[in-house]
């Protein structure tokens, strides 16, 4: 079955960096785009970044552009999100998601907290 597992979250000070990973299994990973979303307490889930199946195109939300970088390794079936210059407003649970045959598949999420 399709499975996505995020890791790498934690507590970091403002201005710091974290690298999230999303490990995929159960589908032909190299054929599908993967997106990162986040959800802060009391807010709706928002799209952070999307990376296409080959990794040739990445799209970012304006709020993270220039600070976050998405990448993928199709051989390892993994997607990463490098987050630099983190701000308190980046605090959220981060999820990876893929869409296969009109169905969205989500990971369980990983908490990122940016605080001094």
C-alpha atoms as a PDB file:
ATOM      1  CA  UNK A   1       0.000   0.000   0.000  1.00  0.00           C
ATOM      2  CA  UNK A   2       1.054   3.599  -0.517  1.00  0.00           C
ATOM      3  CA  UNK A   3       2.994   4.889   2.446  1.00  0.00           C
ATOM      4  CA  UNK A   4       4.705   8.212   3.158  1.00  0.00           C
ATOM      5  CA  UNK A   5       6.743   8.705   6.312  1.00  0.00           C
ATOM      6  CA  UNK A   6       8.102  12.099   7.315  1.00  0.00           C
ATOM      7  CA  UNK A   7      11.029  12.678   9.637  1.00  0.00           C
ATOM      8  CA  UNK A   8      13.448  15.398  10.659  1.00  0.00           C
ATOM      9  CA  UNK A   9      11.232  17.802  12.560  1.00  0.00           C
ATOM     10  CA  UNK A  10      12.184  19.353  15.871  1.00  0.00           C
ATOM     11  CA  UNK A  11      12.770  22.515  17.839  1.00  0.00           C
ATOM     12  CA  UNK A  12      15.004  25.167  16.294  1.00  0.00           C
ATOM     13  CA  UNK A  13      15.792  28.784  17.073  1.00  0.00           C
ATOM     14  CA  UNK A  14      14.793  31.580  14.684  1.00  0.00           C
ATOM     15  CA  UNK A  15      17.308  31.821  11.880  1.00  0.00           C
ATOM     16  CA  UNK A  16      18.178  28.160  12.169  1.00  0.00           C
ATOM     17  CA  UNK A  17      17.815  25.302   9.710  1.00  0.00           C
ATOM     18  CA  UNK A  18      16.130  21.915   9.518  1.00  0.00           C
ATOM     19  CA  UNK A  19      15.956  19.261   6.859  1.00  0.00           C
ATOM     20  CA  UNK A  20      12.797  17.207   6.555  1.00  0.00           C
ATOM     21  CA  UNK A  21      12.651  13.877   4.768  1.00  0.00           C
ATOM     22  CA  UNK A  22       9.747  11.928   3.299  1.00  0.00           C
ATOM     23  CA  UNK A  23      10.297   8.232   2.615  1.00  0.00           C
ATOM     24  CA  UNK A  24       7.901   6.662   0.116  1.00  0.00           C
ATOM     25  CA  UNK A  25       6.879   3.085  -0.551  1.00  0.00           C
ATOM     26  CA  UNK A  26       4.142   1.089  -2.213  1.00  0.00           C
ATOM     27  CA  UNK A  27       3.993   2.914  -5.539  1.00  0.00           C
ATOM     28  CA  UNK A  28       6.126   3.866  -8.530  1.00  0.00           C
ATOM     29  CA  UNK A  29       7.700   6.836  -6.816  1.00  0.00           C
ATOM     30  CA  UNK A  30       9.488   8.208  -9.872  1.00  0.00           C
ATOM     31  CA  UNK A  31       6.197   8.707 -11.709  1.00  0.00           C
ATOM     32  CA  UNK A  32       4.545  11.156  -9.325  1.00  0.00           C
ATOM     33  CA  UNK A  33       4.947  14.659  -8.025  1.00  0.00           C
ATOM     34  CA  UNK A  34       5.224  15.102  -4.275  1.00  0.00           C
ATOM     35  CA  UNK A  35       4.156  18.112  -2.286  1.00  0.00           C
ATOM     36  CA  UNK A  36       4.961  19.435   1.162  1.00  0.00           C
ATOM     37  CA  UNK A  37       2.170  21.005   3.177  1.00  0.00           C
ATOM     38  CA  UNK A  38       2.056  22.449   6.655  1.00  0.00           C
ATOM     39  CA  UNK A  39      -0.623  23.131   9.209  1.00  0.00           C
ATOM     40  CA  UNK A  40      -0.222  25.518  12.105  1.00  0.00           C
ATOM     41  CA  UNK A  41      -2.515  25.393  15.154  1.00  0.00           C
ATOM     42  CA  UNK A  42      -5.881  26.922  14.334  1.00  0.00           C
ATOM     43  CA  UNK A  43      -5.033  27.372  10.672  1.00  0.00           C
ATOM     44  CA  UNK A  44      -5.832  25.548   7.476  1.00  0.00           C
ATOM     45  CA  UNK A  45      -3.311  23.235   5.881  1.00  0.00           C
ATOM     46  CA  UNK A  46      -1.286  25.146   3.280  1.00  0.00           C
ATOM     47  CA  UNK A  47       0.863  24.126   0.360  1.00  0.00           C
ATOM     48  CA  UNK A  48       4.555  24.806   0.917  1.00  0.00           C
ATOM     49  CA  UNK A  49       6.307  23.247  -2.077  1.00  0.00           C
ATOM     50  CA  UNK A  50       5.772  20.834  -4.946  1.00  0.00           C
ATOM     51  CA  UNK A  51       8.431  18.894  -6.788  1.00  0.00           C
ATOM     52  CA  UNK A  52       7.671  17.138 -10.056  1.00  0.00           C
ATOM     53  CA  UNK A  53       8.333  13.465 -10.717  1.00  0.00           C
ATOM     54  CA  UNK A  54      11.796  13.998 -12.178  1.00  0.00           C
ATOM     55  CA  UNK A  55      12.654  16.833  -9.815  1.00  0.00           C
ATOM     56  CA  UNK A  56      13.010  19.156 -12.772  1.00  0.00           C
ATOM     57  CA  UNK A  57      10.462  21.645 -11.534  1.00  0.00           C
ATOM     58  CA  UNK A  58       9.871  22.895  -8.001  1.00  0.00           C
ATOM     59  CA  UNK A  59       7.213  25.377  -6.981  1.00  0.00           C
ATOM     60  CA  UNK A  60       7.175  27.236  -3.688  1.00  0.00           C
ATOM     61  CA  UNK A  61       4.725  29.274  -1.680  1.00  0.00           C
ATOM     62  CA  UNK A  62       5.684  32.940  -1.557  1.00  0.00           C
ATOM     63  CA  UNK A  63       6.107  32.692   2.208  1.00  0.00           C
ATOM     64  CA  UNK A  64       9.004  30.235   1.884  1.00  0.00           C
ATOM     65  CA  UNK A  65      10.529  31.149  -1.465  1.00  0.00           C
ATOM     66  CA  UNK A  66      14.255  31.711  -1.161  1.00  0.00           C
ATOM     67  CA  UNK A  67      14.430  29.947   2.209  1.00  0.00           C
ATOM     68  CA  UNK A  68      13.152  26.419   1.518  1.00  0.00           C
ATOM     69  CA  UNK A  69      14.442  23.984  -1.089  1.00  0.00           C
ATOM     70  CA  UNK A  70      12.733  20.759  -2.119  1.00  0.00           C
ATOM     71  CA  UNK A  71      14.684  17.909  -3.682  1.00  0.00           C
ATOM     72  CA  UNK A  72      14.153  14.244  -4.434  1.00  0.00           C
ATOM     73  CA  UNK A  73      16.161  11.085  -4.903  1.00  0.00           C
ATOM     74  CA  UNK A  74      14.118   8.692  -7.017  1.00  0.00           C
ATOM     75  CA  UNK A  75      16.583   5.854  -6.485  1.00  0.00           C
ATOM     76  CA  UNK A  76      16.081   6.111  -2.723  1.00  0.00           C
ATOM     77  CA  UNK A  77      12.376   6.992  -3.026  1.00  0.00           C
ATOM     78  CA  UNK A  78      12.821  10.036  -0.847  1.00  0.00           C
ATOM     79  CA  UNK A  79      11.916  13.694  -0.940  1.00  0.00           C
ATOM     80  CA  UNK A  80      13.562  16.300   1.243  1.00  0.00           C
ATOM     81  CA  UNK A  81      12.748  19.828   2.297  1.00  0.00           C
ATOM     82  CA  UNK A  82      15.706  21.937   3.351  1.00  0.00           C
ATOM     83  CA  UNK A  83      14.472  24.827   5.474  1.00  0.00           C
ATOM     84  CA  UNK A  84      16.825  27.730   6.169  1.00  0.00           C
ATOM     85  CA  UNK A  85      16.400  31.019   7.993  1.00  0.00           C
ATOM     86  CA  UNK A  86      13.430  29.618   9.869  1.00  0.00           C
ATOM     87  CA  UNK A  87      10.934  32.005  11.421  1.00  0.00           C
ATOM     88  CA  UNK A  88       8.461  31.530  14.271  1.00  0.00           C
ATOM     89  CA  UNK A  89       5.645  31.620  11.718  1.00  0.00           C
ATOM     90  CA  UNK A  90       7.089  28.472  10.124  1.00  0.00           C
ATOM     91  CA  UNK A  91       5.993  26.546  13.218  1.00  0.00           C
ATOM     92  CA  UNK A  92       3.599  23.824  12.071  1.00  0.00           C
ATOM     93  CA  UNK A  93       3.169  20.152  11.424  1.00  0.00           C
ATOM     94  CA  UNK A  94       4.695  19.387   8.032  1.00  0.00           C
ATOM     95  CA  UNK A  95       3.247  16.720   5.761  1.00  0.00           C
ATOM     96  CA  UNK A  96       4.249  15.199   2.468  1.00  0.00           C
ATOM     97  CA  UNK A  97       1.576  14.226   0.005  1.00  0.00           C
ATOM     98  CA  UNK A  98       1.245  12.547  -3.332  1.00  0.00           C
ATOM     99  CA  UNK A  99      -1.769  12.106  -5.572  1.00  0.00           C
ATOM    100  CA  UNK A 100      -2.350   8.841  -7.426  1.00  0.00           C
ATOM    101  CA  UNK A 101      -5.436   8.115  -9.543  1.00  0.00           C
ATOM    102  CA  UNK A 102      -7.454  10.972  -8.016  1.00  0.00           C
ATOM    103  CA  UNK A 103      -6.594   9.907  -4.460  1.00  0.00           C
ATOM    104  CA  UNK A 104      -4.437  11.936  -2.076  1.00  0.00           C
ATOM    105  CA  UNK A 105      -2.013  10.064   0.148  1.00  0.00           C
ATOM    106  CA  UNK A 106      -0.572  11.796   3.210  1.00  0.00           C
ATOM    107  CA  UNK A 107       2.136  11.036   5.661  1.00  0.00           C
ATOM    108  CA  UNK A 108       1.583  11.279   9.388  1.00  0.00           C
ATOM    109  CA  UNK A 109       3.392  14.602   9.686  1.00  0.00           C
ATOM    110  CA  UNK A 110       6.407  15.877  11.586  1.00  0.00           C
ATOM    111  CA  UNK A 111       6.354  18.802  14.008  1.00  0.00           C
ATOM    112  CA  UNK A 112       8.560  21.820  13.393  1.00  0.00           C
ATOM    113  CA  UNK A 113       8.767  24.399  16.150  1.00  0.00           C
ATOM    114  CA  UNK A 114      10.703  27.626  15.695  1.00  0.00           C
ATOM    115  CA  UNK A 115      11.194  29.371  19.003  1.00  0.00           C
ATOM    116  CA  UNK A 116      13.864  30.993  21.106  1.00  0.00           C
END
